[in-house]
Amino acid sequence: MLQYYMSTCKKCGNPIPYRFLIDGIWRIASSRRHCLSCNPFGQTMKRVMDGNCTCSVCGRHYTYNRSKGHTRTKCGTCSCNQRRFDVKNRAVAYKGGKCQLCGYKKCTRALKFHHNDETKKKFSLGGNHGRSWESIERELDKCMLVCGNCHDEIHAGLVTAKPGVTQCSVGAL
């Protein structure tokens, strides 16, 4: 009989026949991802895990718990940190990618968001990476992106920074 092969096994690379005979019944194998030697008929291909995992990022050993934010390869802390870094990088890109006072752009960790008007501030951008991007964007529109040095100078009163207006005080060191 002529065999038609639809795809290859994801585990061993052997071809998977379109259909095969099991217990006198022709079975269609069009949706199978693994051949019969890698995954016998009637069994699921669930990963057998005892719950003990090792984080691929930090190497920490943890017990897998989906409700705590774990994945099978990353602990909850590394997953959360990845989201924080992604949101910060996206926010920095949204605000132009450099300090709006001096033009510094070497390290995104050194860039801060300074609220132009503290009374209109709804939340601090740090630690709010779980919010929707739309709400973060609305808050970013009330801020200016400055480097750490310029941010400290603004709070010390050495630099007056308002939206579109930046000037150094006369007696600044």
N, C-alpha and C. Protein backbone atom coordinates (compact mmCIF):
# COMPACT_ATOMS: atom_id res chain seq x y z
N MET A 1 0.83 -1.18 0.00
CA MET A 1 0.00 0.00 0.00
C MET A 1 0.88 1.25 0.00
N LEU A 2 0.45 2.27 -0.68
CA LEU A 2 1.19 3.52 -0.82
C LEU A 2 1.03 4.36 0.45
N GLN A 3 2.15 4.81 1.03
CA GLN A 3 2.13 5.63 2.24
C GLN A 3 2.28 7.11 1.85
N TYR A 4 1.44 7.96 2.39
CA TYR A 4 1.56 9.39 2.20
C TYR A 4 2.05 10.00 3.52
N TYR A 5 3.04 10.85 3.42
CA TYR A 5 3.61 11.47 4.62
C TYR A 5 3.24 12.95 4.64
N MET A 6 2.69 13.36 5.75
CA MET A 6 2.25 14.75 5.87
C MET A 6 3.34 15.65 6.45
N SER A 7 3.94 15.22 7.53
CA SER A 7 4.91 16.08 8.21
C SER A 7 5.99 15.21 8.85
N THR A 8 6.89 15.87 9.57
CA THR A 8 7.95 15.14 10.25
C THR A 8 7.78 15.30 11.76
N CYS A 9 8.29 14.32 12.48
CA CYS A 9 8.21 14.31 13.94
C CYS A 9 9.05 15.45 14.51
N LYS A 10 8.48 16.19 15.45
CA LYS A 10 9.18 17.32 16.07
C LYS A 10 10.32 16.88 16.97
N LYS A 11 10.29 15.62 17.41
CA LYS A 11 11.30 15.12 18.34
C LYS A 11 12.45 14.43 17.61
N CYS A 12 12.12 13.47 16.71
CA CYS A 12 13.18 12.68 16.08
C CYS A 12 13.38 13.00 14.60
N GLY A 13 12.44 13.69 13.98
CA GLY A 13 12.60 14.06 12.58
C GLY A 13 12.12 13.02 11.58
N ASN A 14 11.61 11.88 12.04
CA ASN A 14 11.10 10.86 11.14
C ASN A 14 9.78 11.31 10.52
N PRO A 15 9.48 10.85 9.29
CA PRO A 15 8.21 11.24 8.67
C PRO A 15 7.03 10.60 9.39
N ILE A 16 5.92 11.33 9.44
CA ILE A 16 4.69 10.84 10.06
C ILE A 16 3.73 10.51 8.92
N PRO A 17 3.24 9.25 8.84
CA PRO A 17 2.31 8.90 7.76
C PRO A 17 0.98 9.63 7.94
N TYR A 18 0.29 9.87 6.82
CA TYR A 18 -0.99 10.55 6.86
C TYR A 18 -2.01 9.76 7.67
N ARG A 19 -1.97 8.42 7.53
CA ARG A 19 -2.86 7.56 8.30
C ARG A 19 -2.15 6.25 8.60
N PHE A 20 -2.60 5.57 9.64
CA PHE A 20 -2.00 4.29 10.02
C PHE A 20 -3.06 3.40 10.64
N LEU A 21 -2.80 2.11 10.64
CA LEU A 21 -3.75 1.11 11.12
C LEU A 21 -3.41 0.71 12.56
N ILE A 22 -4.37 0.92 13.48
CA ILE A 22 -4.19 0.53 14.88
C ILE A 22 -5.42 -0.27 15.29
N ASP A 23 -5.18 -1.50 15.77
CA ASP A 23 -6.25 -2.39 16.21
C ASP A 23 -7.35 -2.55 15.17
N GLY A 24 -6.95 -2.63 13.90
CA GLY A 24 -7.91 -2.84 12.82
C GLY A 24 -8.66 -1.60 12.40
N ILE A 25 -8.31 -0.45 12.93
CA ILE A 25 -8.98 0.80 12.59
C ILE A 25 -7.96 1.77 11.98
N TRP A 26 -8.33 2.36 10.83
CA TRP A 26 -7.46 3.35 10.21
C TRP A 26 -7.60 4.66 10.96
N ARG A 27 -6.48 5.16 11.43
CA ARG A 27 -6.45 6.43 12.18
C ARG A 27 -5.81 7.50 11.31
N ILE A 28 -6.39 8.70 11.32
CA ILE A 28 -5.85 9.84 10.59
C ILE A 28 -4.83 10.53 11.51
N ALA A 29 -3.67 10.81 10.96
CA ALA A 29 -2.59 11.39 11.76
C ALA A 29 -2.23 12.80 11.32
N SER A 30 -3.16 13.50 10.68
CA SER A 30 -2.83 14.82 10.12
C SER A 30 -2.50 15.86 11.18
N SER A 31 -3.01 15.69 12.40
CA SER A 31 -2.73 16.69 13.43
C SER A 31 -1.63 16.27 14.40
N ARG A 32 -1.02 15.12 14.18
CA ARG A 32 0.04 14.65 15.08
C ARG A 32 1.32 15.44 14.86
N ARG A 33 2.02 15.69 15.94
CA ARG A 33 3.32 16.37 15.86
C ARG A 33 4.47 15.41 16.09
N HIS A 34 4.16 14.22 16.62
CA HIS A 34 5.19 13.24 16.94
C HIS A 34 4.83 11.89 16.34
N CYS A 35 5.85 11.14 15.93
CA CYS A 35 5.63 9.82 15.35
C CYS A 35 5.21 8.83 16.44
N LEU A 36 4.79 7.64 16.03
CA LEU A 36 4.30 6.65 16.99
C LEU A 36 5.40 6.12 17.90
N SER A 37 6.65 6.14 17.45
CA SER A 37 7.73 5.66 18.33
C SER A 37 8.04 6.69 19.43
N CYS A 38 7.88 7.98 19.15
CA CYS A 38 8.12 9.01 20.16
C CYS A 38 6.92 9.21 21.07
N ASN A 39 5.73 9.05 20.53
CA ASN A 39 4.50 9.24 21.29
C ASN A 39 3.51 8.15 20.89
N PRO A 40 3.46 7.05 21.63
CA PRO A 40 2.55 5.96 21.27
C PRO A 40 1.09 6.42 21.26
N PHE A 41 0.30 5.78 20.40
CA PHE A 41 -1.09 6.16 20.25
C PHE A 41 -1.84 6.01 21.57
N GLY A 42 -2.67 7.01 21.90
CA GLY A 42 -3.47 6.96 23.11
C GLY A 42 -2.80 7.60 24.31
N GLN A 43 -1.55 8.02 24.19
CA GLN A 43 -0.86 8.68 25.29
C GLN A 43 -0.64 10.14 24.93
N THR A 44 -0.67 10.99 25.93
CA THR A 44 -0.42 12.40 25.66
C THR A 44 1.07 12.68 25.80
N MET A 45 1.51 13.77 25.20
CA MET A 45 2.93 14.12 25.19
C MET A 45 3.24 15.14 26.28
N LYS A 46 2.60 15.01 27.44
CA LYS A 46 2.83 15.95 28.54
C LYS A 46 4.25 15.80 29.07
N ARG A 47 4.84 16.92 29.38
CA ARG A 47 6.17 16.90 29.96
C ARG A 47 6.08 16.37 31.38
N VAL A 48 6.85 15.36 31.66
CA VAL A 48 6.84 14.78 33.00
C VAL A 48 7.79 15.60 33.85
N MET A 49 7.20 16.28 34.83
CA MET A 49 8.03 17.12 35.70
C MET A 49 7.58 16.90 37.13
N ASP A 50 8.51 16.91 38.02
CA ASP A 50 8.18 16.75 39.43
C ASP A 50 7.90 18.10 40.08
N GLY A 51 7.95 19.18 39.31
CA GLY A 51 7.70 20.50 39.85
C GLY A 51 8.96 21.27 40.18
N ASN A 52 10.11 20.61 40.21
CA ASN A 52 11.37 21.30 40.49
C ASN A 52 11.97 21.79 39.19
N CYS A 53 12.21 23.09 39.12
CA CYS A 53 12.75 23.70 37.91
C CYS A 53 13.97 24.54 38.26
N THR A 54 14.74 24.86 37.24
CA THR A 54 15.88 25.76 37.38
C THR A 54 15.69 26.90 36.39
N CYS A 55 15.79 28.13 36.86
CA CYS A 55 15.61 29.30 36.02
C CYS A 55 16.76 29.38 35.01
N SER A 56 16.41 29.60 33.75
CA SER A 56 17.43 29.68 32.70
C SER A 56 18.17 31.02 32.73
N VAL A 57 17.64 32.01 33.43
CA VAL A 57 18.26 33.33 33.48
C VAL A 57 19.20 33.46 34.67
N CYS A 58 18.66 33.17 35.88
CA CYS A 58 19.47 33.39 37.09
C CYS A 58 20.01 32.10 37.70
N GLY A 59 19.51 30.94 37.26
CA GLY A 59 20.00 29.67 37.77
C GLY A 59 19.40 29.24 39.09
N ARG A 60 18.43 30.01 39.59
CA ARG A 60 17.78 29.68 40.86
C ARG A 60 16.90 28.45 40.72
N HIS A 61 16.88 27.60 41.73
CA HIS A 61 16.01 26.44 41.76
C HIS A 61 14.69 26.84 42.41
N TYR A 62 13.58 26.45 41.80
CA TYR A 62 12.26 26.79 42.33
C TYR A 62 11.27 25.70 42.02
N THR A 63 10.18 25.69 42.75
CA THR A 63 9.09 24.75 42.49
C THR A 63 8.09 25.45 41.59
N TYR A 64 7.81 24.84 40.46
CA TYR A 64 6.92 25.45 39.47
C TYR A 64 5.54 25.70 40.06
N ASN A 65 5.08 26.95 39.92
CA ASN A 65 3.75 27.33 40.37
C ASN A 65 3.27 28.42 39.43
N ARG A 66 2.36 28.09 38.54
CA ARG A 66 1.91 29.04 37.52
C ARG A 66 1.25 30.28 38.13
N SER A 67 0.57 30.11 39.25
CA SER A 67 -0.12 31.25 39.86
C SER A 67 0.86 32.29 40.43
N LYS A 68 2.12 31.92 40.63
CA LYS A 68 3.12 32.86 41.13
C LYS A 68 3.92 33.51 40.00
N GLY A 69 3.51 33.28 38.75
CA GLY A 69 4.17 33.90 37.62
C GLY A 69 5.31 33.09 37.03
N HIS A 70 5.52 31.89 37.54
CA HIS A 70 6.60 31.05 37.00
C HIS A 70 6.24 30.53 35.62
N THR A 71 7.25 30.26 34.84
CA THR A 71 7.10 29.44 33.65
C THR A 71 8.00 28.23 33.89
N ARG A 72 8.03 27.33 32.97
CA ARG A 72 8.87 26.14 33.15
C ARG A 72 10.35 26.48 33.01
N THR A 73 10.67 27.62 32.39
CA THR A 73 12.07 27.97 32.18
C THR A 73 12.53 29.19 32.95
N LYS A 74 11.58 30.05 33.43
CA LYS A 74 11.96 31.27 34.15
C LYS A 74 11.20 31.38 35.45
N CYS A 75 11.90 31.82 36.49
CA CYS A 75 11.24 32.05 37.77
C CYS A 75 10.41 33.34 37.67
N GLY A 76 9.55 33.56 38.62
CA GLY A 76 8.66 34.72 38.62
C GLY A 76 9.42 36.03 38.68
N THR A 77 10.53 36.06 39.41
CA THR A 77 11.33 37.28 39.53
C THR A 77 11.92 37.68 38.18
N CYS A 78 12.48 36.72 37.45
CA CYS A 78 13.08 37.02 36.15
C CYS A 78 12.02 37.39 35.12
N SER A 79 10.85 36.76 35.19
CA SER A 79 9.75 37.12 34.28
C SER A 79 9.30 38.55 34.53
N CYS A 80 9.18 38.92 35.80
CA CYS A 80 8.77 40.27 36.17
C CYS A 80 9.83 41.30 35.75
N ASN A 81 11.09 40.98 35.99
CA ASN A 81 12.17 41.88 35.59
C ASN A 81 12.19 42.09 34.09
N GLN A 82 11.96 41.03 33.34
CA GLN A 82 11.95 41.14 31.88
C GLN A 82 10.84 42.10 31.43
N ARG A 83 9.67 41.99 32.06
CA ARG A 83 8.57 42.89 31.71
C ARG A 83 8.92 44.33 32.10
N ARG A 84 9.54 44.54 33.28
CA ARG A 84 9.93 45.89 33.68
C ARG A 84 10.89 46.50 32.67
N PHE A 85 11.90 45.73 32.26
CA PHE A 85 12.88 46.24 31.30
C PHE A 85 12.23 46.55 29.95
N ASP A 86 11.31 45.69 29.53
CA ASP A 86 10.63 45.91 28.26
C ASP A 86 9.78 47.18 28.29
N VAL A 87 9.06 47.39 29.40
CA VAL A 87 8.23 48.59 29.54
C VAL A 87 9.10 49.84 29.60
N LYS A 88 10.22 49.77 30.34
CA LYS A 88 11.12 50.94 30.44
C LYS A 88 11.71 51.28 29.07
N ASN A 89 12.18 50.27 28.34
CA ASN A 89 12.75 50.52 27.01
C ASN A 89 11.71 51.11 26.06
N ARG A 90 10.49 50.61 26.14
CA ARG A 90 9.43 51.13 25.29
C ARG A 90 9.08 52.57 25.67
N ALA A 91 9.07 52.86 26.98
CA ALA A 91 8.77 54.22 27.44
C ALA A 91 9.88 55.19 27.05
N VAL A 92 11.13 54.76 27.16
CA VAL A 92 12.25 55.62 26.76
C VAL A 92 12.17 55.91 25.26
N ALA A 93 11.88 54.90 24.47
CA ALA A 93 11.73 55.12 23.03
C ALA A 93 10.57 56.06 22.73
N TYR A 94 9.48 55.95 23.49
CA TYR A 94 8.31 56.80 23.31
C TYR A 94 8.64 58.27 23.56
N LYS A 95 9.52 58.53 24.54
CA LYS A 95 9.89 59.90 24.89
C LYS A 95 11.10 60.43 24.12
N GLY A 96 11.58 59.70 23.15
CA GLY A 96 12.66 60.21 22.30
C GLY A 96 14.00 59.53 22.47
N GLY A 97 14.19 58.74 23.51
CA GLY A 97 15.40 57.95 23.66
C GLY A 97 16.61 58.66 24.23
N LYS A 98 16.48 59.93 24.61
CA LYS A 98 17.62 60.65 25.18
C LYS A 98 17.14 61.71 26.15
N CYS A 99 18.06 62.20 26.97
CA CYS A 99 17.75 63.26 27.93
C CYS A 99 17.29 64.50 27.18
N GLN A 100 16.18 65.06 27.61
CA GLN A 100 15.64 66.23 26.92
C GLN A 100 16.37 67.51 27.30
N LEU A 101 17.30 67.42 28.27
CA LEU A 101 18.08 68.61 28.64
C LEU A 101 19.47 68.58 28.02
N CYS A 102 20.21 67.49 28.19
CA CYS A 102 21.60 67.46 27.74
C CYS A 102 21.84 66.49 26.58
N GLY A 103 20.88 65.63 26.24
CA GLY A 103 21.03 64.73 25.11
C GLY A 103 21.68 63.40 25.44
N TYR A 104 21.91 63.10 26.70
CA TYR A 104 22.54 61.83 27.11
C TYR A 104 21.68 60.64 26.67
N LYS A 105 22.33 59.60 26.09
CA LYS A 105 21.56 58.43 25.64
C LYS A 105 22.35 57.13 25.71
N LYS A 106 23.45 57.08 26.47
CA LYS A 106 24.29 55.88 26.51
C LYS A 106 23.62 54.72 27.21
N CYS A 107 23.02 54.95 28.37
CA CYS A 107 22.47 53.87 29.20
C CYS A 107 21.04 54.21 29.60
N THR A 108 20.10 53.32 29.27
CA THR A 108 18.70 53.59 29.61
C THR A 108 18.46 53.53 31.12
N ARG A 109 19.32 52.83 31.85
CA ARG A 109 19.17 52.79 33.32
C ARG A 109 19.39 54.16 33.93
N ALA A 110 20.19 55.00 33.28
CA ALA A 110 20.49 56.33 33.82
C ALA A 110 19.41 57.34 33.47
N LEU A 111 18.44 56.98 32.64
CA LEU A 111 17.39 57.90 32.25
C LEU A 111 16.20 57.78 33.19
N LYS A 112 15.65 58.93 33.60
CA LYS A 112 14.54 58.99 34.55
C LYS A 112 13.39 59.77 33.92
N PHE A 113 12.20 59.56 34.46
CA PHE A 113 11.02 60.31 34.02
C PHE A 113 10.66 61.31 35.11
N HIS A 114 10.69 62.59 34.74
CA HIS A 114 10.39 63.66 35.70
C HIS A 114 9.03 64.25 35.37
N HIS A 115 8.11 64.21 36.35
CA HIS A 115 6.79 64.81 36.15
C HIS A 115 6.93 66.33 36.11
N ASN A 116 6.36 66.93 35.08
CA ASN A 116 6.43 68.38 34.94
C ASN A 116 5.58 69.07 36.00
N ASP A 117 4.43 68.52 36.31
CA ASP A 117 3.54 69.08 37.31
C ASP A 117 3.13 67.96 38.26
N GLU A 118 3.65 68.01 39.48
CA GLU A 118 3.40 66.95 40.46
C GLU A 118 1.92 66.82 40.82
N THR A 119 1.15 67.90 40.68
CA THR A 119 -0.27 67.84 41.05
C THR A 119 -1.08 67.00 40.07
N LYS A 120 -0.61 66.87 38.84
CA LYS A 120 -1.32 66.07 37.83
C LYS A 120 -0.85 64.62 37.77
N LYS A 121 0.08 64.28 38.64
CA LYS A 121 0.66 62.93 38.67
C LYS A 121 -0.37 61.94 39.23
N LYS A 122 -0.71 60.91 38.46
CA LYS A 122 -1.65 59.89 38.95
C LYS A 122 -0.93 58.73 39.60
N PHE A 123 0.23 58.35 39.06
CA PHE A 123 1.03 57.28 39.64
C PHE A 123 2.48 57.45 39.21
N SER A 124 3.36 56.86 39.98
CA SER A 124 4.78 56.87 39.64
C SER A 124 5.03 55.80 38.60
N LEU A 125 5.86 56.06 37.65
CA LEU A 125 6.11 55.09 36.59
C LEU A 125 6.91 53.89 37.07
N GLY A 126 7.75 54.07 38.07
CA GLY A 126 8.51 52.96 38.62
C GLY A 126 7.60 52.02 39.40
N GLY A 127 7.68 50.74 39.09
CA GLY A 127 6.90 49.75 39.81
C GLY A 127 5.49 49.57 39.28
N ASN A 128 5.13 50.25 38.22
CA ASN A 128 3.80 50.12 37.66
C ASN A 128 3.84 49.47 36.27
N HIS A 129 4.72 48.50 36.12
CA HIS A 129 4.87 47.82 34.84
C HIS A 129 3.71 46.89 34.53
N GLY A 130 2.84 46.64 35.49
CA GLY A 130 1.69 45.77 35.27
C GLY A 130 0.50 46.51 34.67
N ARG A 131 0.58 47.81 34.57
CA ARG A 131 -0.51 48.60 34.00
C ARG A 131 -0.53 48.47 32.48
N SER A 132 -1.64 48.85 31.89
CA SER A 132 -1.76 48.79 30.43
C SER A 132 -0.86 49.86 29.81
N TRP A 133 -0.44 49.62 28.58
CA TRP A 133 0.44 50.57 27.90
C TRP A 133 -0.28 51.90 27.69
N GLU A 134 -1.58 51.90 27.49
CA GLU A 134 -2.33 53.13 27.27
C GLU A 134 -2.27 54.03 28.51
N SER A 135 -2.42 53.44 29.71
CA SER A 135 -2.35 54.26 30.93
C SER A 135 -0.93 54.75 31.18
N ILE A 136 0.06 53.93 30.85
CA ILE A 136 1.46 54.36 30.99
C ILE A 136 1.74 55.50 30.01
N GLU A 137 1.22 55.39 28.81
CA GLU A 137 1.41 56.43 27.80
C GLU A 137 0.80 57.76 28.26
N ARG A 138 -0.39 57.71 28.85
CA ARG A 138 -1.03 58.94 29.36
C ARG A 138 -0.17 59.58 30.45
N GLU A 139 0.45 58.75 31.30
CA GLU A 139 1.30 59.29 32.36
C GLU A 139 2.62 59.82 31.78
N LEU A 140 3.14 59.16 30.75
CA LEU A 140 4.38 59.63 30.11
C LEU A 140 4.19 61.00 29.45
N ASP A 141 2.98 61.28 28.98
CA ASP A 141 2.72 62.57 28.36
C ASP A 141 2.84 63.72 29.37
N LYS A 142 2.79 63.42 30.65
CA LYS A 142 2.94 64.43 31.71
C LYS A 142 4.38 64.55 32.18
N CYS A 143 5.27 63.76 31.59
CA CYS A 143 6.66 63.69 32.05
C CYS A 143 7.63 64.16 30.99
N MET A 144 8.87 64.39 31.45
CA MET A 144 9.97 64.60 30.52
C MET A 144 11.07 63.60 30.86
N LEU A 145 11.79 63.16 29.85
CA LEU A 145 12.85 62.18 30.02
C LEU A 145 14.16 62.92 30.27
N VAL A 146 14.78 62.66 31.41
CA VAL A 146 16.04 63.32 31.76
C VAL A 146 17.01 62.28 32.30
N CYS A 147 18.30 62.57 32.20
CA CYS A 147 19.30 61.67 32.77
C CYS A 147 19.34 61.88 34.29
N GLY A 148 20.02 61.01 34.99
CA GLY A 148 20.10 61.09 36.45
C GLY A 148 20.69 62.39 36.95
N ASN A 149 21.74 62.88 36.30
CA ASN A 149 22.37 64.14 36.72
C ASN A 149 21.42 65.33 36.56
N CYS A 150 20.78 65.42 35.41
CA CYS A 150 19.85 66.52 35.18
C CYS A 150 18.65 66.42 36.12
N HIS A 151 18.20 65.21 36.41
CA HIS A 151 17.08 65.01 37.32
C HIS A 151 17.43 65.52 38.72
N ASP A 152 18.64 65.21 39.18
CA ASP A 152 19.08 65.70 40.48
C ASP A 152 19.21 67.22 40.49
N GLU A 153 19.68 67.80 39.38
CA GLU A 153 19.82 69.25 39.29
C GLU A 153 18.45 69.94 39.29
N ILE A 154 17.45 69.31 38.67
CA ILE A 154 16.09 69.87 38.68
C ILE A 154 15.57 69.92 40.10
N HIS A 155 15.73 68.81 40.84
CA HIS A 155 15.21 68.75 42.21
C HIS A 155 16.02 69.62 43.18
N ALA A 156 17.29 69.89 42.84
CA ALA A 156 18.11 70.78 43.68
C ALA A 156 17.85 72.25 43.36
N GLY A 157 17.11 72.52 42.29
CA GLY A 157 16.81 73.90 41.92
C GLY A 157 17.88 74.54 41.06
N LEU A 158 18.85 73.79 40.60
CA LEU A 158 19.93 74.35 39.76
C LEU A 158 19.48 74.54 38.33
N VAL A 159 18.49 73.77 37.90
CA VAL A 159 18.00 73.84 36.53
C VAL A 159 16.49 74.01 36.60
N THR A 160 15.98 74.95 35.80
CA THR A 160 14.54 75.11 35.67
C THR A 160 14.11 74.35 34.43
N ALA A 161 13.30 73.36 34.63
CA ALA A 161 12.88 72.54 33.49
C ALA A 161 11.37 72.50 33.42
N LYS A 162 10.85 73.08 32.37
CA LYS A 162 9.42 73.03 32.09
C LYS A 162 9.25 72.52 30.68
N PRO A 163 8.08 72.04 30.33
CA PRO A 163 7.91 71.50 28.99
C PRO A 163 8.33 72.50 27.93
N GLY A 164 9.33 72.16 27.16
CA GLY A 164 9.80 73.01 26.07
C GLY A 164 10.76 74.10 26.50
N VAL A 165 10.92 74.34 27.80
CA VAL A 165 11.82 75.41 28.27
C VAL A 165 12.84 74.80 29.21
N THR A 166 14.12 74.94 28.89
CA THR A 166 15.17 74.48 29.78
C THR A 166 16.22 75.56 29.88
N GLN A 167 16.57 75.95 31.10
CA GLN A 167 17.62 76.94 31.28
C GLN A 167 18.34 76.67 32.58
N CYS A 168 19.65 76.91 32.56
CA CYS A 168 20.45 76.72 33.77
C CYS A 168 20.40 78.00 34.60
N SER A 169 20.35 77.82 35.90
CA SER A 169 20.40 78.97 36.80
C SER A 169 21.77 79.62 36.71
N VAL A 170 21.86 80.90 36.99
CA VAL A 170 23.09 81.65 36.82
C VAL A 170 24.17 81.19 37.76
N GLY A 171 23.93 80.88 38.98
CA GLY A 171 24.97 80.55 39.93
C GLY A 171 25.29 79.06 40.00
N ALA A 172 24.86 78.28 39.05
CA ALA A 172 25.03 76.83 39.12
C ALA A 172 26.49 76.44 38.96
N LEU A 173 26.92 75.43 39.73
CA LEU A 173 28.31 74.96 39.65
C LEU A 173 28.45 73.93 38.57
